[in-house]
N, C-alpha and C. Protein backbone atom coordinates (compact mmCIF):
# COMPACT_ATOMS: atom_id res chain seq x y z
N MET A 1 -28.58 -10.97 25.18
CA MET A 1 -28.29 -11.09 26.61
C MET A 1 -28.30 -9.42 26.82
N LYS A 2 -28.63 -9.06 28.00
CA LYS A 2 -28.84 -7.60 28.30
C LYS A 2 -27.42 -7.15 28.69
N ILE A 3 -27.17 -5.90 28.21
CA ILE A 3 -25.83 -5.17 28.27
C ILE A 3 -26.00 -4.70 29.86
N LYS A 4 -24.82 -5.15 30.73
CA LYS A 4 -24.71 -4.61 32.00
C LYS A 4 -23.93 -3.25 32.11
N ASP A 5 -24.31 -2.31 33.08
CA ASP A 5 -23.40 -1.39 33.27
C ASP A 5 -22.20 -1.69 34.12
N PHE A 6 -21.06 -0.97 33.36
CA PHE A 6 -19.78 -1.04 34.10
C PHE A 6 -19.65 -0.45 35.37
N LYS A 7 -19.38 -1.24 36.36
CA LYS A 7 -19.15 -0.61 37.80
C LYS A 7 -17.68 -0.70 38.15
N PRO A 8 -16.92 0.45 38.39
CA PRO A 8 -15.69 0.67 38.90
C PRO A 8 -15.40 -0.15 40.28
N ASP A 9 -14.25 -0.79 40.23
CA ASP A 9 -14.00 -1.36 41.26
C ASP A 9 -13.61 -0.93 42.61
N THR A 10 -14.34 -1.15 43.53
CA THR A 10 -14.33 -0.05 44.83
C THR A 10 -13.74 -1.20 46.03
N ARG A 11 -12.98 -1.99 45.63
CA ARG A 11 -12.35 -2.77 46.73
C ARG A 11 -11.16 -2.04 47.12
N GLU A 12 -10.73 -2.48 48.26
CA GLU A 12 -9.33 -1.84 48.89
C GLU A 12 -8.45 -2.31 48.13
N PRO A 13 -7.36 -1.62 47.36
CA PRO A 13 -6.36 -2.13 46.63
C PRO A 13 -5.53 -2.92 47.33
N GLY A 14 -4.87 -4.05 46.93
CA GLY A 14 -3.80 -4.80 47.27
C GLY A 14 -2.37 -3.99 47.22
N ILE A 15 -2.40 -3.05 46.13
CA ILE A 15 -0.98 -2.46 46.00
C ILE A 15 -1.47 -1.02 45.95
N PRO A 16 -0.54 -0.34 47.10
CA PRO A 16 -0.74 1.00 47.07
C PRO A 16 -0.45 1.87 45.96
N LYS A 17 -1.15 3.02 45.69
CA LYS A 17 -1.00 4.01 44.42
C LYS A 17 0.46 4.72 44.84
N PRO A 18 1.19 4.61 43.64
CA PRO A 18 2.56 5.39 43.73
C PRO A 18 2.32 6.96 43.80
N ASP A 19 3.43 7.45 44.30
CA ASP A 19 3.33 9.03 44.56
C ASP A 19 3.36 9.66 43.12
N LYS A 20 4.15 8.86 42.36
CA LYS A 20 4.20 9.58 40.84
C LYS A 20 3.40 8.56 40.00
N PRO A 21 2.83 9.16 38.82
CA PRO A 21 2.16 8.33 38.05
C PRO A 21 3.03 7.11 37.47
N ALA A 22 2.15 5.79 37.20
CA ALA A 22 2.63 4.69 36.72
C ALA A 22 2.77 4.77 35.50
N MET A 23 3.89 4.27 34.94
CA MET A 23 4.31 4.42 33.22
C MET A 23 3.75 3.08 32.55
N PRO A 24 3.24 3.15 31.54
CA PRO A 24 2.88 2.03 30.76
C PRO A 24 3.91 1.40 29.95
N HIS A 25 3.82 0.06 29.57
CA HIS A 25 4.87 -0.49 28.91
C HIS A 25 4.12 -0.69 27.60
N VAL A 26 4.58 -0.22 26.34
CA VAL A 26 4.01 -0.49 24.93
C VAL A 26 5.04 -1.53 24.26
N VAL A 27 4.87 -2.39 24.04
CA VAL A 27 5.56 -3.26 23.39
C VAL A 27 4.93 -4.19 22.25
N THR A 28 6.04 -4.91 21.32
CA THR A 28 5.36 -5.63 20.28
C THR A 28 5.84 -7.07 20.58
N VAL A 29 5.38 -8.02 19.81
CA VAL A 29 5.75 -9.52 20.08
C VAL A 29 7.37 -9.50 19.86
N GLN A 30 7.94 -8.60 18.89
CA GLN A 30 9.43 -8.55 18.71
C GLN A 30 10.23 -8.20 20.03
N ASP A 31 9.54 -7.52 20.83
CA ASP A 31 10.35 -7.05 22.06
C ASP A 31 10.14 -8.54 23.27
N GLY A 32 9.53 -9.49 22.87
CA GLY A 32 9.40 -10.38 23.51
C GLY A 32 10.37 -11.32 23.91
N VAL A 33 10.29 -12.50 24.77
CA VAL A 33 11.35 -13.50 25.30
C VAL A 33 10.75 -14.66 24.60
N PRO A 34 11.37 -15.25 23.56
CA PRO A 34 11.05 -16.75 22.86
C PRO A 34 11.05 -17.68 23.88
N VAL A 35 10.31 -19.10 24.03
CA VAL A 35 10.35 -20.12 24.68
C VAL A 35 9.94 -21.05 23.81
N ARG A 36 10.52 -22.27 23.98
CA ARG A 36 10.04 -23.74 23.19
C ARG A 36 9.29 -24.52 24.33
N TYR A 37 8.22 -25.02 23.95
CA TYR A 37 7.36 -25.93 24.89
C TYR A 37 7.99 -27.46 24.72
N PRO A 38 8.14 -27.89 25.67
CA PRO A 38 8.73 -29.49 25.87
C PRO A 38 7.48 -30.60 25.13
N GLY A 39 8.08 -31.40 24.26
CA GLY A 39 7.24 -32.17 23.65
C GLY A 39 6.33 -31.69 22.36
N SER A 40 6.81 -30.44 22.09
CA SER A 40 5.93 -29.70 21.12
C SER A 40 6.79 -29.09 20.18
N ASP A 41 6.32 -28.79 18.95
CA ASP A 41 6.93 -28.05 17.81
C ASP A 41 6.43 -26.63 18.20
N ALA A 42 5.79 -26.12 19.22
CA ALA A 42 5.10 -24.96 19.62
C ALA A 42 6.11 -24.02 20.08
N VAL A 43 5.82 -22.73 19.88
CA VAL A 43 7.01 -21.69 20.03
C VAL A 43 5.96 -20.53 20.95
N GLY A 44 6.53 -20.00 21.91
CA GLY A 44 5.79 -19.17 22.84
C GLY A 44 6.74 -17.63 22.56
N VAL A 45 6.13 -16.69 22.61
CA VAL A 45 7.13 -15.64 22.64
C VAL A 45 6.41 -14.78 24.14
N ARG A 46 6.91 -14.56 25.01
CA ARG A 46 6.59 -13.88 26.40
C ARG A 46 6.87 -12.31 26.36
N VAL A 47 5.58 -11.79 26.05
CA VAL A 47 5.62 -10.33 25.77
C VAL A 47 5.47 -9.42 26.99
N VAL A 48 4.43 -9.94 27.84
CA VAL A 48 4.26 -9.35 29.27
C VAL A 48 4.66 -10.27 30.12
N HIS A 49 5.84 -10.20 30.83
CA HIS A 49 6.28 -11.31 31.70
C HIS A 49 7.39 -10.97 32.64
N PRO A 50 7.61 -11.83 33.80
CA PRO A 50 8.89 -11.42 34.46
C PRO A 50 10.01 -11.62 33.97
N SER A 51 10.27 -12.15 32.74
CA SER A 51 11.43 -12.54 32.05
C SER A 51 11.85 -11.55 31.11
N ASN A 52 10.61 -10.65 30.82
CA ASN A 52 11.19 -9.75 29.75
C ASN A 52 11.29 -8.29 30.41
N PRO A 53 12.35 -7.34 30.43
CA PRO A 53 12.64 -6.66 30.92
C PRO A 53 12.06 -5.24 30.33
N LYS A 54 11.51 -5.44 29.01
CA LYS A 54 10.67 -4.47 28.38
C LYS A 54 9.36 -4.26 28.74
N ALA A 55 8.95 -5.27 29.42
CA ALA A 55 7.43 -5.42 29.92
C ALA A 55 7.46 -6.20 31.31
N TYR A 56 8.28 -5.87 31.99
CA TYR A 56 8.18 -6.33 33.50
C TYR A 56 6.88 -6.59 34.28
N THR A 57 6.48 -7.61 34.55
CA THR A 57 5.41 -7.84 35.54
C THR A 57 5.83 -8.75 36.63
N GLU A 58 5.06 -8.73 37.83
CA GLU A 58 5.03 -9.93 38.74
C GLU A 58 3.95 -10.78 38.72
N ALA A 59 2.67 -9.88 38.07
CA ALA A 59 1.21 -10.38 38.60
C ALA A 59 0.73 -11.28 37.33
N MET A 60 1.15 -11.12 36.09
CA MET A 60 0.88 -12.01 34.92
C MET A 60 1.55 -12.43 33.97
N GLY A 61 1.17 -13.46 32.93
CA GLY A 61 2.07 -13.73 31.88
C GLY A 61 1.31 -13.54 30.63
N ILE A 62 1.52 -12.54 29.72
CA ILE A 62 0.81 -12.74 28.56
C ILE A 62 1.82 -13.20 27.27
N VAL A 63 1.48 -14.30 26.72
CA VAL A 63 2.19 -15.00 25.76
C VAL A 63 1.54 -15.19 24.58
N MET A 64 2.39 -14.77 23.26
CA MET A 64 1.77 -15.20 21.98
C MET A 64 2.20 -16.56 21.82
N PHE A 65 1.48 -17.57 21.66
CA PHE A 65 1.77 -18.73 21.27
C PHE A 65 1.35 -19.22 19.73
N TYR A 66 2.48 -19.90 19.13
CA TYR A 66 2.52 -20.21 17.80
C TYR A 66 2.40 -21.90 17.59
N LEU A 67 1.61 -22.39 17.12
CA LEU A 67 1.41 -23.79 16.80
C LEU A 67 1.37 -24.07 15.53
N PRO A 68 2.54 -24.74 14.71
CA PRO A 68 2.49 -25.07 13.40
C PRO A 68 1.36 -26.05 13.13
N PRO A 69 0.86 -26.09 11.57
CA PRO A 69 -0.03 -27.00 11.18
C PRO A 69 -0.03 -28.42 11.49
N HIS A 70 -0.62 -28.95 12.44
CA HIS A 70 -0.86 -30.52 12.49
C HIS A 70 0.04 -30.80 13.55
N ALA A 71 0.66 -29.77 14.58
CA ALA A 71 1.39 -29.85 15.55
C ALA A 71 0.55 -30.03 16.81
N ALA A 72 0.76 -30.37 18.20
CA ALA A 72 0.12 -30.32 19.22
C ALA A 72 0.86 -30.03 20.57
N LEU A 73 0.44 -29.40 21.51
CA LEU A 73 0.87 -29.31 22.71
C LEU A 73 0.39 -30.33 23.88
N PRO A 74 1.12 -31.12 24.34
CA PRO A 74 0.77 -32.35 25.13
C PRO A 74 -0.32 -32.07 26.14
N ILE A 75 -1.18 -32.84 26.56
CA ILE A 75 -1.97 -32.45 27.64
C ILE A 75 -1.09 -32.43 29.01
N GLY A 76 -1.45 -31.59 29.83
CA GLY A 76 -1.04 -31.28 31.07
C GLY A 76 -1.62 -30.45 31.92
N SER A 77 -1.22 -30.13 33.11
CA SER A 77 -2.15 -29.21 33.97
C SER A 77 -1.12 -28.50 34.86
N HIS A 78 -1.64 -27.58 35.57
CA HIS A 78 -0.61 -26.73 36.38
C HIS A 78 -1.44 -25.84 37.32
N TRP A 79 -0.88 -25.47 38.31
CA TRP A 79 -1.53 -24.57 39.47
C TRP A 79 -1.91 -23.39 38.95
N THR A 80 -1.41 -22.48 37.82
CA THR A 80 -1.67 -21.48 37.62
C THR A 80 -3.12 -21.24 36.84
N GLU A 81 -3.78 -20.23 37.07
CA GLU A 81 -5.08 -19.87 36.24
C GLU A 81 -4.65 -19.59 34.89
N GLU A 82 -5.26 -19.76 33.63
CA GLU A 82 -4.86 -19.61 32.58
C GLU A 82 -6.05 -19.25 31.67
N THR A 83 -6.05 -18.37 30.50
CA THR A 83 -7.11 -18.19 29.67
C THR A 83 -6.40 -18.09 28.02
N TYR A 84 -6.97 -18.84 27.24
CA TYR A 84 -6.48 -18.93 25.83
C TYR A 84 -7.65 -18.34 25.08
N CYS A 85 -6.90 -17.28 24.05
CA CYS A 85 -7.93 -16.48 23.14
C CYS A 85 -7.10 -17.05 21.92
N ILE A 86 -7.94 -17.84 21.27
CA ILE A 86 -7.82 -18.18 19.75
C ILE A 86 -7.65 -17.19 18.71
N LEU A 87 -6.70 -16.74 18.28
CA LEU A 87 -6.73 -15.20 17.41
C LEU A 87 -6.77 -15.84 15.78
N LYS A 88 -5.94 -16.76 15.21
CA LYS A 88 -6.04 -17.33 14.12
C LYS A 88 -5.57 -18.92 14.17
N GLY A 89 -6.39 -19.40 13.04
CA GLY A 89 -6.35 -21.01 12.84
C GLY A 89 -7.53 -21.54 13.58
N HIS A 90 -7.56 -23.06 13.35
CA HIS A 90 -8.67 -23.94 13.93
C HIS A 90 -8.19 -25.40 14.62
N GLY A 91 -8.36 -25.69 15.71
CA GLY A 91 -7.97 -26.60 16.22
C GLY A 91 -8.63 -27.29 17.29
N VAL A 92 -8.36 -28.31 18.06
CA VAL A 92 -9.09 -28.92 19.23
C VAL A 92 -8.22 -28.57 20.40
N MET A 93 -8.97 -28.37 21.43
CA MET A 93 -8.39 -28.36 22.73
C MET A 93 -8.87 -29.47 23.55
N THR A 94 -7.95 -30.42 24.10
CA THR A 94 -8.58 -31.53 24.91
C THR A 94 -8.74 -30.84 26.61
N LEU A 95 -10.07 -30.73 26.81
CA LEU A 95 -10.09 -29.98 28.01
C LEU A 95 -10.85 -30.80 29.21
N ALA A 96 -10.23 -31.37 30.25
CA ALA A 96 -10.73 -32.38 31.08
C ALA A 96 -11.15 -33.44 30.70
N GLY A 97 -10.48 -33.84 29.43
CA GLY A 97 -10.57 -35.32 28.68
C GLY A 97 -11.60 -34.99 27.71
N THR A 98 -12.44 -34.03 27.54
CA THR A 98 -13.27 -33.80 26.50
C THR A 98 -12.62 -32.92 25.06
N PRO A 99 -12.44 -33.46 23.84
CA PRO A 99 -12.10 -32.84 22.77
C PRO A 99 -13.03 -31.75 22.33
N THR A 100 -12.60 -30.41 22.49
CA THR A 100 -13.41 -29.07 22.07
C THR A 100 -12.92 -28.48 20.97
N PRO A 101 -13.72 -28.20 19.79
CA PRO A 101 -13.12 -27.55 18.70
C PRO A 101 -13.00 -26.13 19.25
N VAL A 102 -12.06 -25.64 18.47
CA VAL A 102 -11.69 -23.98 18.95
C VAL A 102 -11.27 -23.10 17.65
N GLY A 103 -11.52 -21.91 17.62
CA GLY A 103 -11.15 -21.16 16.44
C GLY A 103 -11.19 -19.64 16.60
N PRO A 104 -11.04 -19.01 15.79
CA PRO A 104 -10.75 -17.64 16.15
C PRO A 104 -12.11 -17.10 16.91
N GLY A 105 -12.11 -16.32 18.00
CA GLY A 105 -12.79 -15.62 18.98
C GLY A 105 -13.17 -16.56 19.92
N SER A 106 -12.42 -17.89 20.10
CA SER A 106 -12.55 -18.78 21.18
C SER A 106 -11.78 -18.35 22.27
N PHE A 107 -12.39 -18.16 23.55
CA PHE A 107 -11.68 -17.83 24.61
C PHE A 107 -12.05 -18.98 25.64
N VAL A 108 -10.82 -19.39 26.02
CA VAL A 108 -11.08 -20.98 26.95
C VAL A 108 -10.30 -20.51 28.33
N HIS A 109 -11.05 -20.40 29.31
CA HIS A 109 -10.66 -20.36 30.49
C HIS A 109 -10.19 -21.48 31.43
N LEU A 110 -9.21 -21.61 31.87
CA LEU A 110 -8.79 -23.01 32.51
C LEU A 110 -8.49 -22.41 34.15
N PRO A 111 -9.27 -22.97 34.91
CA PRO A 111 -9.19 -22.78 36.38
C PRO A 111 -7.70 -23.74 36.80
N PRO A 112 -7.20 -23.25 38.00
CA PRO A 112 -6.07 -24.21 38.40
C PRO A 112 -6.28 -25.84 38.19
N TRP A 113 -5.27 -26.47 37.83
CA TRP A 113 -5.37 -27.79 37.52
C TRP A 113 -6.15 -28.49 36.73
N CYS A 114 -6.67 -27.77 35.83
CA CYS A 114 -7.58 -28.16 34.90
C CYS A 114 -6.80 -28.78 33.75
N GLU A 115 -6.98 -30.16 33.39
CA GLU A 115 -6.13 -30.62 32.20
C GLU A 115 -6.27 -30.27 30.94
N HIS A 116 -5.27 -29.87 30.02
CA HIS A 116 -5.74 -29.31 28.71
C HIS A 116 -4.59 -29.73 28.02
N GLY A 117 -4.70 -29.63 26.55
CA GLY A 117 -3.94 -29.64 25.48
C GLY A 117 -4.48 -28.99 24.53
N ILE A 118 -3.69 -28.69 23.52
CA ILE A 118 -4.07 -28.15 22.16
C ILE A 118 -3.32 -28.89 21.03
N GLU A 119 -4.04 -28.95 20.00
CA GLU A 119 -3.55 -29.46 18.48
C GLU A 119 -4.15 -28.55 17.45
N ASN A 120 -3.36 -28.33 16.61
CA ASN A 120 -3.77 -27.64 15.46
C ASN A 120 -4.10 -28.56 14.30
N THR A 121 -5.44 -28.64 13.92
CA THR A 121 -6.09 -29.78 12.96
C THR A 121 -6.35 -29.08 11.70
N GLY A 122 -5.89 -27.77 11.34
CA GLY A 122 -5.59 -27.00 10.19
C GLY A 122 -4.45 -27.09 9.42
N ASN A 123 -4.39 -26.28 8.42
CA ASN A 123 -3.36 -26.30 7.38
C ASN A 123 -2.64 -25.07 7.44
N GLU A 124 -2.96 -24.11 8.48
CA GLU A 124 -2.24 -22.74 8.56
C GLU A 124 -2.10 -22.97 10.09
N GLY A 125 -0.89 -22.16 10.32
CA GLY A 125 -0.34 -21.77 11.82
C GLY A 125 -1.57 -21.52 12.69
N MET A 126 -1.71 -21.69 13.92
CA MET A 126 -2.25 -21.33 14.87
C MET A 126 -1.92 -20.13 15.62
N GLU A 127 -2.54 -19.12 16.06
CA GLU A 127 -2.09 -18.13 16.87
C GLU A 127 -2.79 -17.98 18.14
N VAL A 128 -2.25 -17.96 19.35
CA VAL A 128 -3.24 -18.02 20.39
C VAL A 128 -2.31 -17.14 21.50
N LEU A 129 -3.44 -16.02 22.12
CA LEU A 129 -2.91 -15.18 22.85
C LEU A 129 -3.26 -15.88 24.55
N LEU A 130 -2.15 -16.07 25.13
CA LEU A 130 -2.41 -17.00 26.53
C LEU A 130 -2.29 -15.79 27.75
N CYS A 131 -3.11 -15.99 28.71
CA CYS A 131 -2.89 -15.04 29.86
C CYS A 131 -2.51 -16.10 30.98
N THR A 132 -1.72 -15.78 31.69
CA THR A 132 -1.59 -16.83 32.84
C THR A 132 -1.21 -15.94 34.31
N VAL A 133 -2.26 -16.28 35.49
CA VAL A 133 -1.98 -15.63 36.59
C VAL A 133 -1.77 -16.74 37.77
N PRO A 134 -0.59 -16.76 38.17
CA PRO A 134 0.62 -15.71 38.16
C PRO A 134 1.04 -16.49 37.02
N PRO A 135 2.19 -15.67 36.43
CA PRO A 135 2.75 -16.07 35.29
C PRO A 135 3.75 -17.42 35.57
N ASN A 136 3.78 -18.23 34.63
CA ASN A 136 4.60 -19.45 34.70
C ASN A 136 6.08 -18.90 34.71
N PRO A 137 7.12 -19.63 35.36
CA PRO A 137 8.41 -19.29 35.61
C PRO A 137 8.98 -19.37 34.24
């Protein structure tokens, strides 16, 4: 595949540029807000999220998701757009009814209302970086 040149975004911004420089949030998972997922042994940590005062945002949710060996997150869907990036472990994601193997380096983009679930089929914990736009409540 040919490498394409990066082109800056020239669209009119939806958010006006502030008078003072915007300041970044540098956080770790330990700075996040832990959440438990219904019907699952999975735990997430909302690292960049409206619920985290250390990395507040209104526009996206970045969650570290931990799935123990042989555990699953039940199949469901929601109106938010989401991307899963598998960092550690191996499993199967059910995507629109189709079982799909995933492992480190897999990126799975889910458009709104795409049915999905994930199962850790390995003997080690899975670590998954989730990005949700807009963030889940």
